[in-house]
Amino acid sequence: MTKHNSLYDQADSFGWISIGLHWATTIAVLVLWFVGQSILSQAVDEIDARRSLHITIGLIVWLPIAARIVWRLRTKHPQLRGQTTWVRNTARAAHYLMLAALSVMLVSGPTMAWMRYFSSPEGASTADIAFVFHSTAAMILAGLVSIHILGALKHLMFHDDETVARIFVPRRDGEGSS
C-alpha cells in the first residue's frame, strides 16, 4: 500500500492545505460579509469607522484568500468516493465561480479604497465603478455559497458518500478501500 502525505490533495481526498484554506476563507468571508453589510446601517458618524474596519480586515485576509484561489486553480479537485461525474463537474463549476467572485472582490475592494483616498473626480468615479463590481460580486458569492451549503447538506442527509467528511479531515491510508 502506498502511503500518501495528507498535507496535499490526493486523487480521492482533500489534504490539510485545502481544508485549512477552505475554512480560513470561509471565516474571513463571513466576517467581511457581516461587517460590509453593516456599513450603511450605521449612523452617519460611524460609517467611516465601520468601512475602515472592513478595509482593515480585508487587508489582513487578502493574502490567505489569494492563496486559496491560487491553490485551488493549481490543484485538481479530488474525485470523492460515491460522487458522480455530473455532481463533480457541477461542484467544480460552482467552486470556480466562487473563486471568480472572490477574485473580483480582491481587486475591486482595494481599488475602491485607494480611489476614494485620492478623491479626485476621476478617482471618485473609478471608486463608484469598483463599488458596483465589489457589491455585485458579493451578492453573487452569497448566492453561490448558499447553493454550496445546500449541496453539502444534500450530501450529508440524502447520500451515502463522504463528500462532507472530506472537507473536515483527509482520507487516511486504507480508509474506504475494500
N, C-alpha and C. Protein backbone atom coordinates (compact mmCIF):
# COMPACT_ATOMS: atom_id res chain seq x y z
N MET A 1 0.84 -1.16 0.00
CA MET A 1 0.00 0.00 0.00
C MET A 1 0.90 1.24 0.00
N THR A 2 0.57 2.20 -0.85
CA THR A 2 1.35 3.43 -0.93
C THR A 2 0.86 4.43 0.11
N LYS A 3 1.79 4.92 0.88
CA LYS A 3 1.44 5.90 1.89
C LYS A 3 1.49 7.28 1.25
N HIS A 4 0.46 8.10 1.51
CA HIS A 4 0.48 9.44 0.95
C HIS A 4 0.52 10.49 2.05
N ASN A 5 0.93 11.67 1.68
CA ASN A 5 1.04 12.79 2.60
C ASN A 5 -0.31 13.48 2.67
N SER A 6 -0.94 13.51 3.83
CA SER A 6 -2.26 14.10 3.95
C SER A 6 -2.23 15.62 3.96
N LEU A 7 -1.05 16.21 3.80
CA LEU A 7 -0.94 17.65 3.70
C LEU A 7 -1.49 18.13 2.35
N TYR A 8 -1.25 17.34 1.32
CA TYR A 8 -1.64 17.71 -0.05
C TYR A 8 -2.86 16.93 -0.50
N ASP A 9 -3.60 17.49 -1.46
CA ASP A 9 -4.76 16.80 -2.02
C ASP A 9 -4.30 15.53 -2.72
N GLN A 10 -5.12 14.51 -2.62
CA GLN A 10 -4.89 13.25 -3.31
C GLN A 10 -5.99 13.09 -4.37
N ALA A 11 -5.91 12.06 -5.15
CA ALA A 11 -6.90 11.83 -6.20
C ALA A 11 -8.30 11.69 -5.63
N ASP A 12 -8.41 11.21 -4.37
CA ASP A 12 -9.72 10.94 -3.78
C ASP A 12 -9.96 11.67 -2.47
N SER A 13 -9.15 12.68 -2.14
CA SER A 13 -9.30 13.34 -0.85
C SER A 13 -8.64 14.72 -0.86
N PHE A 14 -9.28 15.66 -0.16
CA PHE A 14 -8.64 16.95 0.08
C PHE A 14 -7.56 16.75 1.12
N GLY A 15 -6.49 17.53 1.04
CA GLY A 15 -5.43 17.50 2.04
C GLY A 15 -5.61 18.63 3.04
N TRP A 16 -4.75 18.64 4.04
CA TRP A 16 -4.86 19.65 5.10
C TRP A 16 -4.70 21.07 4.57
N ILE A 17 -3.89 21.28 3.54
CA ILE A 17 -3.73 22.63 2.99
C ILE A 17 -5.06 23.12 2.42
N SER A 18 -5.72 22.30 1.60
CA SER A 18 -7.02 22.68 1.04
C SER A 18 -8.05 22.88 2.13
N ILE A 19 -8.06 22.00 3.11
CA ILE A 19 -9.04 22.09 4.20
C ILE A 19 -8.81 23.38 5.00
N GLY A 20 -7.56 23.64 5.35
CA GLY A 20 -7.25 24.85 6.11
C GLY A 20 -7.59 26.12 5.35
N LEU A 21 -7.21 26.18 4.06
CA LEU A 21 -7.53 27.36 3.26
C LEU A 21 -9.04 27.51 3.07
N HIS A 22 -9.75 26.40 2.92
CA HIS A 22 -11.21 26.46 2.76
C HIS A 22 -11.85 27.11 3.99
N TRP A 23 -11.51 26.61 5.18
CA TRP A 23 -12.16 27.12 6.38
C TRP A 23 -11.66 28.51 6.77
N ALA A 24 -10.38 28.82 6.52
CA ALA A 24 -9.89 30.18 6.77
C ALA A 24 -10.61 31.18 5.88
N THR A 25 -10.79 30.82 4.61
CA THR A 25 -11.52 31.68 3.68
C THR A 25 -12.98 31.81 4.09
N THR A 26 -13.58 30.71 4.51
CA THR A 26 -14.97 30.74 4.96
C THR A 26 -15.15 31.73 6.10
N ILE A 27 -14.31 31.64 7.10
CA ILE A 27 -14.41 32.54 8.25
C ILE A 27 -14.17 33.98 7.83
N ALA A 28 -13.13 34.21 7.02
CA ALA A 28 -12.81 35.57 6.57
C ALA A 28 -13.96 36.17 5.78
N VAL A 29 -14.52 35.41 4.85
CA VAL A 29 -15.60 35.91 4.02
C VAL A 29 -16.84 36.21 4.86
N LEU A 30 -17.16 35.34 5.81
CA LEU A 30 -18.31 35.60 6.68
C LEU A 30 -18.13 36.87 7.50
N VAL A 31 -16.96 37.05 8.08
CA VAL A 31 -16.69 38.25 8.87
C VAL A 31 -16.78 39.49 7.97
N LEU A 32 -16.13 39.44 6.82
CA LEU A 32 -16.17 40.58 5.90
C LEU A 32 -17.58 40.86 5.41
N TRP A 33 -18.36 39.80 5.16
CA TRP A 33 -19.74 39.98 4.70
C TRP A 33 -20.56 40.74 5.75
N PHE A 34 -20.50 40.27 7.00
CA PHE A 34 -21.31 40.90 8.03
C PHE A 34 -20.85 42.33 8.32
N VAL A 35 -19.56 42.55 8.37
CA VAL A 35 -19.06 43.92 8.59
C VAL A 35 -19.43 44.80 7.39
N GLY A 36 -19.22 44.28 6.18
CA GLY A 36 -19.56 45.05 4.98
C GLY A 36 -21.04 45.38 4.90
N GLN A 37 -21.90 44.43 5.22
CA GLN A 37 -23.34 44.67 5.18
C GLN A 37 -23.78 45.68 6.23
N SER A 38 -23.02 45.80 7.30
CA SER A 38 -23.41 46.71 8.38
C SER A 38 -22.96 48.16 8.13
N ILE A 39 -22.15 48.39 7.12
CA ILE A 39 -21.61 49.74 6.91
C ILE A 39 -22.72 50.77 6.74
N LEU A 40 -23.63 50.53 5.83
CA LEU A 40 -24.65 51.53 5.54
C LEU A 40 -25.76 51.60 6.58
N SER A 41 -25.81 50.62 7.48
CA SER A 41 -26.84 50.66 8.52
C SER A 41 -26.35 51.43 9.76
N GLN A 42 -25.14 51.94 9.71
CA GLN A 42 -24.57 52.69 10.83
C GLN A 42 -25.04 54.15 10.80
N ALA A 43 -24.94 54.78 11.93
CA ALA A 43 -25.18 56.23 11.98
C ALA A 43 -24.11 56.90 11.11
N VAL A 44 -24.44 58.04 10.54
CA VAL A 44 -23.55 58.73 9.61
C VAL A 44 -22.15 58.91 10.19
N ASP A 45 -22.06 59.23 11.46
CA ASP A 45 -20.74 59.47 12.07
C ASP A 45 -19.96 58.17 12.32
N GLU A 46 -20.59 57.01 12.13
CA GLU A 46 -19.90 55.74 12.35
C GLU A 46 -19.63 54.98 11.06
N ILE A 47 -20.11 55.46 9.92
CA ILE A 47 -19.91 54.77 8.65
C ILE A 47 -18.43 54.64 8.32
N ASP A 48 -17.68 55.72 8.48
CA ASP A 48 -16.25 55.67 8.16
C ASP A 48 -15.50 54.68 9.04
N ALA A 49 -15.87 54.61 10.32
CA ALA A 49 -15.20 53.65 11.23
C ALA A 49 -15.50 52.22 10.81
N ARG A 50 -16.75 51.94 10.45
CA ARG A 50 -17.12 50.58 10.03
C ARG A 50 -16.46 50.25 8.70
N ARG A 51 -16.42 51.21 7.77
CA ARG A 51 -15.75 50.98 6.49
C ARG A 51 -14.26 50.72 6.72
N SER A 52 -13.65 51.47 7.63
CA SER A 52 -12.23 51.26 7.94
C SER A 52 -12.00 49.86 8.53
N LEU A 53 -12.92 49.41 9.37
CA LEU A 53 -12.81 48.06 9.93
C LEU A 53 -12.88 47.02 8.81
N HIS A 54 -13.83 47.21 7.90
CA HIS A 54 -13.97 46.28 6.77
C HIS A 54 -12.69 46.26 5.92
N ILE A 55 -12.15 47.43 5.65
CA ILE A 55 -10.92 47.53 4.85
C ILE A 55 -9.74 46.88 5.59
N THR A 56 -9.63 47.12 6.88
CA THR A 56 -8.54 46.55 7.66
C THR A 56 -8.61 45.03 7.67
N ILE A 57 -9.79 44.49 7.93
CA ILE A 57 -9.94 43.03 7.91
C ILE A 57 -9.63 42.50 6.51
N GLY A 58 -10.13 43.20 5.49
CA GLY A 58 -9.88 42.79 4.11
C GLY A 58 -8.39 42.74 3.79
N LEU A 59 -7.65 43.73 4.26
CA LEU A 59 -6.20 43.74 4.02
C LEU A 59 -5.50 42.60 4.76
N ILE A 60 -5.98 42.28 5.95
CA ILE A 60 -5.37 41.20 6.74
C ILE A 60 -5.59 39.85 6.05
N VAL A 61 -6.77 39.64 5.50
CA VAL A 61 -7.10 38.32 4.93
C VAL A 61 -6.89 38.26 3.42
N TRP A 62 -6.42 39.34 2.83
CA TRP A 62 -6.24 39.38 1.37
C TRP A 62 -5.31 38.26 0.90
N LEU A 63 -4.17 38.14 1.52
CA LEU A 63 -3.18 37.14 1.10
C LEU A 63 -3.68 35.70 1.30
N PRO A 64 -4.27 35.35 2.45
CA PRO A 64 -4.79 33.97 2.56
C PRO A 64 -5.90 33.66 1.55
N ILE A 65 -6.74 34.64 1.26
CA ILE A 65 -7.79 34.40 0.26
C ILE A 65 -7.17 34.24 -1.13
N ALA A 66 -6.19 35.08 -1.44
CA ALA A 66 -5.49 34.95 -2.73
C ALA A 66 -4.79 33.59 -2.81
N ALA A 67 -4.20 33.15 -1.70
CA ALA A 67 -3.55 31.83 -1.66
C ALA A 67 -4.57 30.73 -1.91
N ARG A 68 -5.75 30.87 -1.36
CA ARG A 68 -6.83 29.88 -1.56
C ARG A 68 -7.18 29.78 -3.04
N ILE A 69 -7.29 30.92 -3.69
CA ILE A 69 -7.64 30.94 -5.11
C ILE A 69 -6.54 30.27 -5.93
N VAL A 70 -5.31 30.68 -5.71
CA VAL A 70 -4.18 30.11 -6.46
C VAL A 70 -4.06 28.61 -6.20
N TRP A 71 -4.19 28.21 -4.94
CA TRP A 71 -4.08 26.80 -4.59
C TRP A 71 -5.11 25.96 -5.35
N ARG A 72 -6.35 26.42 -5.35
CA ARG A 72 -7.40 25.64 -6.00
C ARG A 72 -7.23 25.63 -7.51
N LEU A 73 -6.73 26.69 -8.08
CA LEU A 73 -6.51 26.70 -9.52
C LEU A 73 -5.35 25.80 -9.93
N ARG A 74 -4.39 25.62 -9.04
CA ARG A 74 -3.21 24.79 -9.35
C ARG A 74 -3.37 23.34 -8.93
N THR A 75 -4.35 23.04 -8.08
CA THR A 75 -4.53 21.70 -7.53
C THR A 75 -5.85 21.14 -8.04
N LYS A 76 -5.80 19.95 -8.61
CA LYS A 76 -7.01 19.34 -9.13
C LYS A 76 -7.99 19.01 -8.01
N HIS A 77 -9.29 19.10 -8.31
CA HIS A 77 -10.31 18.68 -7.36
C HIS A 77 -10.27 17.16 -7.24
N PRO A 78 -10.30 16.64 -6.03
CA PRO A 78 -10.34 15.18 -5.86
C PRO A 78 -11.65 14.60 -6.40
N GLN A 79 -11.60 13.37 -6.83
CA GLN A 79 -12.80 12.62 -7.20
C GLN A 79 -13.21 11.87 -5.95
N LEU A 80 -14.17 12.41 -5.22
CA LEU A 80 -14.56 11.80 -3.96
C LEU A 80 -15.39 10.55 -4.20
N ARG A 81 -15.20 9.57 -3.33
CA ARG A 81 -15.90 8.29 -3.45
C ARG A 81 -17.41 8.51 -3.40
N GLY A 82 -18.12 7.89 -4.32
CA GLY A 82 -19.57 8.00 -4.35
C GLY A 82 -20.07 9.20 -5.13
N GLN A 83 -19.17 10.02 -5.64
CA GLN A 83 -19.56 11.24 -6.34
C GLN A 83 -19.62 10.96 -7.85
N THR A 84 -20.77 11.24 -8.45
CA THR A 84 -20.91 11.03 -9.88
C THR A 84 -20.14 12.10 -10.64
N THR A 85 -19.87 11.84 -11.90
CA THR A 85 -19.16 12.81 -12.74
C THR A 85 -19.96 14.10 -12.84
N TRP A 86 -21.29 13.99 -13.01
CA TRP A 86 -22.12 15.18 -13.13
C TRP A 86 -22.04 16.03 -11.87
N VAL A 87 -22.13 15.41 -10.70
CA VAL A 87 -22.06 16.13 -9.43
C VAL A 87 -20.68 16.76 -9.27
N ARG A 88 -19.65 16.01 -9.61
CA ARG A 88 -18.28 16.54 -9.50
C ARG A 88 -18.10 17.75 -10.40
N ASN A 89 -18.56 17.68 -11.64
CA ASN A 89 -18.41 18.80 -12.57
C ASN A 89 -19.24 20.01 -12.14
N THR A 90 -20.42 19.76 -11.62
CA THR A 90 -21.27 20.85 -11.13
C THR A 90 -20.61 21.53 -9.93
N ALA A 91 -20.10 20.74 -9.00
CA ALA A 91 -19.43 21.28 -7.82
C ALA A 91 -18.19 22.07 -8.23
N ARG A 92 -17.43 21.54 -9.16
CA ARG A 92 -16.23 22.26 -9.64
C ARG A 92 -16.61 23.59 -10.27
N ALA A 93 -17.66 23.60 -11.09
CA ALA A 93 -18.10 24.84 -11.72
C ALA A 93 -18.51 25.86 -10.66
N ALA A 94 -19.25 25.41 -9.65
CA ALA A 94 -19.66 26.32 -8.57
C ALA A 94 -18.44 26.84 -7.82
N HIS A 95 -17.47 25.97 -7.55
CA HIS A 95 -16.25 26.40 -6.86
C HIS A 95 -15.50 27.44 -7.68
N TYR A 96 -15.36 27.21 -8.98
CA TYR A 96 -14.65 28.17 -9.83
C TYR A 96 -15.39 29.50 -9.92
N LEU A 97 -16.72 29.47 -9.93
CA LEU A 97 -17.48 30.71 -9.92
C LEU A 97 -17.29 31.46 -8.60
N MET A 98 -17.23 30.72 -7.49
CA MET A 98 -16.96 31.36 -6.19
C MET A 98 -15.57 31.98 -6.18
N LEU A 99 -14.59 31.27 -6.75
CA LEU A 99 -13.23 31.81 -6.82
C LEU A 99 -13.19 33.05 -7.71
N ALA A 100 -13.96 33.05 -8.78
CA ALA A 100 -14.01 34.22 -9.67
C ALA A 100 -14.61 35.41 -8.93
N ALA A 101 -15.68 35.19 -8.19
CA ALA A 101 -16.30 36.28 -7.42
C ALA A 101 -15.33 36.80 -6.37
N LEU A 102 -14.64 35.89 -5.68
CA LEU A 102 -13.62 36.31 -4.70
C LEU A 102 -12.52 37.13 -5.38
N SER A 103 -12.09 36.69 -6.56
CA SER A 103 -11.04 37.41 -7.29
C SER A 103 -11.48 38.83 -7.62
N VAL A 104 -12.71 38.98 -8.09
CA VAL A 104 -13.24 40.32 -8.39
C VAL A 104 -13.23 41.17 -7.13
N MET A 105 -13.60 40.58 -6.01
CA MET A 105 -13.63 41.33 -4.75
C MET A 105 -12.23 41.69 -4.28
N LEU A 106 -11.25 40.81 -4.52
CA LEU A 106 -9.87 41.10 -4.12
C LEU A 106 -9.27 42.26 -4.91
N VAL A 107 -9.77 42.46 -6.12
CA VAL A 107 -9.28 43.56 -6.95
C VAL A 107 -10.12 44.83 -6.71
N SER A 108 -11.43 44.67 -6.70
CA SER A 108 -12.31 45.84 -6.61
C SER A 108 -12.29 46.50 -5.24
N GLY A 109 -12.12 45.71 -4.17
CA GLY A 109 -12.10 46.29 -2.82
C GLY A 109 -10.95 47.27 -2.64
N PRO A 110 -9.71 46.85 -2.85
CA PRO A 110 -8.60 47.80 -2.72
C PRO A 110 -8.68 48.95 -3.74
N THR A 111 -9.15 48.67 -4.95
CA THR A 111 -9.30 49.74 -5.95
C THR A 111 -10.26 50.80 -5.43
N MET A 112 -11.37 50.37 -4.90
CA MET A 112 -12.37 51.29 -4.35
C MET A 112 -11.77 52.13 -3.22
N ALA A 113 -11.07 51.47 -2.31
CA ALA A 113 -10.48 52.18 -1.17
C ALA A 113 -9.41 53.17 -1.62
N TRP A 114 -8.54 52.75 -2.54
CA TRP A 114 -7.47 53.63 -3.00
C TRP A 114 -8.03 54.83 -3.78
N MET A 115 -9.01 54.59 -4.61
CA MET A 115 -9.57 55.68 -5.40
C MET A 115 -10.33 56.68 -4.52
N ARG A 116 -10.96 56.21 -3.48
CA ARG A 116 -11.63 57.13 -2.54
C ARG A 116 -10.59 57.96 -1.80
N TYR A 117 -9.45 57.34 -1.51
CA TYR A 117 -8.39 58.04 -0.80
C TYR A 117 -7.86 59.21 -1.63
N PHE A 118 -7.71 58.99 -2.92
CA PHE A 118 -7.18 60.05 -3.78
C PHE A 118 -8.22 61.13 -4.06
N SER A 119 -9.48 60.82 -3.97
CA SER A 119 -10.63 61.72 -4.04
C SER A 119 -10.62 62.77 -5.16
N SER A 120 -10.01 62.46 -6.27
CA SER A 120 -10.15 63.33 -7.44
C SER A 120 -11.46 62.95 -8.13
N PRO A 121 -11.99 63.78 -9.02
CA PRO A 121 -13.22 63.40 -9.72
C PRO A 121 -13.07 62.07 -10.46
N GLU A 122 -11.91 61.84 -11.06
CA GLU A 122 -11.68 60.56 -11.74
C GLU A 122 -11.62 59.41 -10.74
N GLY A 123 -10.98 59.67 -9.61
CA GLY A 123 -10.88 58.66 -8.57
C GLY A 123 -12.24 58.30 -8.00
N ALA A 124 -13.08 59.31 -7.84
CA ALA A 124 -14.42 59.06 -7.29
C ALA A 124 -15.24 58.20 -8.25
N SER A 125 -15.15 58.48 -9.54
CA SER A 125 -15.94 57.67 -10.48
C SER A 125 -15.36 56.25 -10.58
N THR A 126 -14.06 56.12 -10.51
CA THR A 126 -13.45 54.78 -10.51
C THR A 126 -13.86 54.03 -9.25
N ALA A 127 -13.90 54.72 -8.12
CA ALA A 127 -14.33 54.09 -6.87
C ALA A 127 -15.78 53.64 -6.97
N ASP A 128 -16.61 54.44 -7.61
CA ASP A 128 -18.02 54.07 -7.78
C ASP A 128 -18.16 52.82 -8.65
N ILE A 129 -17.37 52.75 -9.71
CA ILE A 129 -17.40 51.57 -10.59
C ILE A 129 -16.89 50.35 -9.81
N ALA A 130 -15.80 50.53 -9.05
CA ALA A 130 -15.26 49.43 -8.26
C ALA A 130 -16.29 48.97 -7.22
N PHE A 131 -17.06 49.92 -6.66
CA PHE A 131 -18.09 49.56 -5.70
C PHE A 131 -19.16 48.67 -6.34
N VAL A 132 -19.56 49.01 -7.56
CA VAL A 132 -20.55 48.19 -8.27
C VAL A 132 -20.02 46.77 -8.47
N PHE A 133 -18.77 46.66 -8.92
CA PHE A 133 -18.18 45.33 -9.10
C PHE A 133 -18.09 44.58 -7.77
N HIS A 134 -17.64 45.30 -6.73
CA HIS A 134 -17.45 44.68 -5.42
C HIS A 134 -18.77 44.19 -4.84
N SER A 135 -19.77 45.03 -4.85
CA SER A 135 -21.06 44.64 -4.26
C SER A 135 -21.77 43.58 -5.11
N THR A 136 -21.63 43.66 -6.44
CA THR A 136 -22.24 42.64 -7.30
C THR A 136 -21.56 41.29 -7.06
N ALA A 137 -20.24 41.28 -6.99
CA ALA A 137 -19.52 40.04 -6.73
C ALA A 137 -19.90 39.48 -5.36
N ALA A 138 -20.10 40.36 -4.37
CA ALA A 138 -20.50 39.90 -3.04
C ALA A 138 -21.87 39.23 -3.08
N MET A 139 -22.79 39.79 -3.83
CA MET A 139 -24.13 39.18 -3.93
C MET A 139 -24.07 37.85 -4.68
N ILE A 140 -23.29 37.81 -5.74
CA ILE A 140 -23.12 36.54 -6.49
C ILE A 140 -22.49 35.50 -5.58
N LEU A 141 -21.46 35.90 -4.84
CA LEU A 141 -20.80 34.98 -3.92
C LEU A 141 -21.77 34.47 -2.86
N ALA A 142 -22.61 35.36 -2.33
CA ALA A 142 -23.59 34.94 -1.32
C ALA A 142 -24.55 33.90 -1.90
N GLY A 143 -24.99 34.09 -3.12
CA GLY A 143 -25.87 33.11 -3.76
C GLY A 143 -25.18 31.78 -3.98
N LEU A 144 -23.94 31.84 -4.47
CA LEU A 144 -23.18 30.61 -4.71
C LEU A 144 -22.86 29.87 -3.41
N VAL A 145 -22.54 30.62 -2.38
CA VAL A 145 -22.26 29.99 -1.08
C VAL A 145 -23.53 29.31 -0.56
N SER A 146 -24.67 29.94 -0.75
CA SER A 146 -25.94 29.32 -0.33
C SER A 146 -26.16 28.00 -1.06
N ILE A 147 -25.92 28.00 -2.37
CA ILE A 147 -26.05 26.77 -3.16
C ILE A 147 -25.04 25.73 -2.68
N HIS A 148 -23.82 26.18 -2.39
CA HIS A 148 -22.76 25.30 -1.90
C HIS A 148 -23.17 24.63 -0.58
N ILE A 149 -23.72 25.42 0.33
CA ILE A 149 -24.16 24.88 1.62
C ILE A 149 -25.32 23.91 1.43
N LEU A 150 -26.26 24.27 0.56
CA LEU A 150 -27.38 23.36 0.29
C LEU A 150 -26.90 22.04 -0.31
N GLY A 151 -25.91 22.12 -1.20
CA GLY A 151 -25.34 20.91 -1.78
C GLY A 151 -24.67 20.05 -0.71
N ALA A 152 -23.95 20.68 0.20
CA ALA A 152 -23.30 19.93 1.28
C ALA A 152 -24.36 19.28 2.18
N LEU A 153 -25.41 20.02 2.49
CA LEU A 153 -26.49 19.45 3.31
C LEU A 153 -27.17 18.28 2.60
N LYS A 154 -27.36 18.42 1.28
CA LYS A 154 -27.94 17.33 0.49
C LYS A 154 -27.09 16.07 0.61
N HIS A 155 -25.78 16.22 0.48
CA HIS A 155 -24.89 15.06 0.61
C HIS A 155 -24.93 14.49 2.03
N LEU A 156 -24.98 15.37 2.99
CA LEU A 156 -24.97 14.93 4.38
C LEU A 156 -26.24 14.14 4.72
N MET A 157 -27.38 14.58 4.22
CA MET A 157 -28.65 13.98 4.62
C MET A 157 -29.16 12.88 3.69
N PHE A 158 -28.85 12.95 2.40
CA PHE A 158 -29.50 12.06 1.46
C PHE A 158 -28.58 11.11 0.71
N HIS A 159 -27.29 11.22 0.90
CA HIS A 159 -26.36 10.38 0.16
C HIS A 159 -25.49 9.58 1.11
N ASP A 160 -25.14 8.41 0.68
CA ASP A 160 -24.22 7.59 1.46
C ASP A 160 -22.83 7.75 0.86
N ASP A 161 -22.32 8.98 0.95
CA ASP A 161 -20.97 9.24 0.45
C ASP A 161 -20.20 10.06 1.50
N GLU A 162 -18.99 10.34 1.18
CA GLU A 162 -18.12 11.01 2.15
C GLU A 162 -17.81 12.45 1.76
N THR A 163 -18.64 13.03 0.93
CA THR A 163 -18.37 14.37 0.42
C THR A 163 -18.16 15.38 1.54
N VAL A 164 -19.05 15.42 2.51
CA VAL A 164 -18.93 16.40 3.59
C VAL A 164 -17.74 16.09 4.49
N ALA A 165 -17.54 14.84 4.81
CA ALA A 165 -16.45 14.46 5.70
C ALA A 165 -15.09 14.87 5.14
N ARG A 166 -14.92 14.84 3.83
CA ARG A 166 -13.61 15.10 3.23
C ARG A 166 -13.19 16.57 3.29
N ILE A 167 -14.09 17.49 3.65
CA ILE A 167 -13.66 18.88 3.80
C ILE A 167 -13.34 19.20 5.27
N PHE A 168 -13.44 18.16 6.12
CA PHE A 168 -13.04 18.31 7.51
C PHE A 168 -11.75 17.56 7.82
N VAL A 169 -11.62 16.36 7.25
CA VAL A 169 -10.46 15.51 7.55
C VAL A 169 -10.07 14.76 6.28
N PRO A 170 -8.78 14.76 5.93
CA PRO A 170 -8.36 13.98 4.76
C PRO A 170 -8.57 12.49 4.98
N ARG A 171 -8.74 11.78 3.91
CA ARG A 171 -8.85 10.31 3.98
C ARG A 171 -7.51 9.75 4.44
N ARG A 172 -7.57 8.79 5.34
CA ARG A 172 -6.35 8.11 5.80
C ARG A 172 -6.07 6.93 4.87
N ASP A 173 -4.84 6.51 4.84
CA ASP A 173 -4.47 5.35 4.02
C ASP A 173 -5.34 4.15 4.38
N GLY A 174 -5.84 3.50 3.35
CA GLY A 174 -6.64 2.30 3.52
C GLY A 174 -8.08 2.57 3.89
N GLU A 175 -8.45 3.81 4.15
CA GLU A 175 -9.81 4.14 4.55
C GLU A 175 -10.74 3.98 3.35
N GLY A 176 -11.78 3.25 3.51
CA GLY A 176 -12.77 3.08 2.47
C GLY A 176 -12.36 2.15 1.34
N SER A 177 -11.20 1.57 1.39
CA SER A 177 -10.79 0.66 0.32
C SER A 177 -11.11 -0.77 0.70
N SER A 178 -12.01 -1.36 -0.02
CA SER A 178 -12.34 -2.76 0.26
C SER A 178 -12.45 -3.54 -0.99
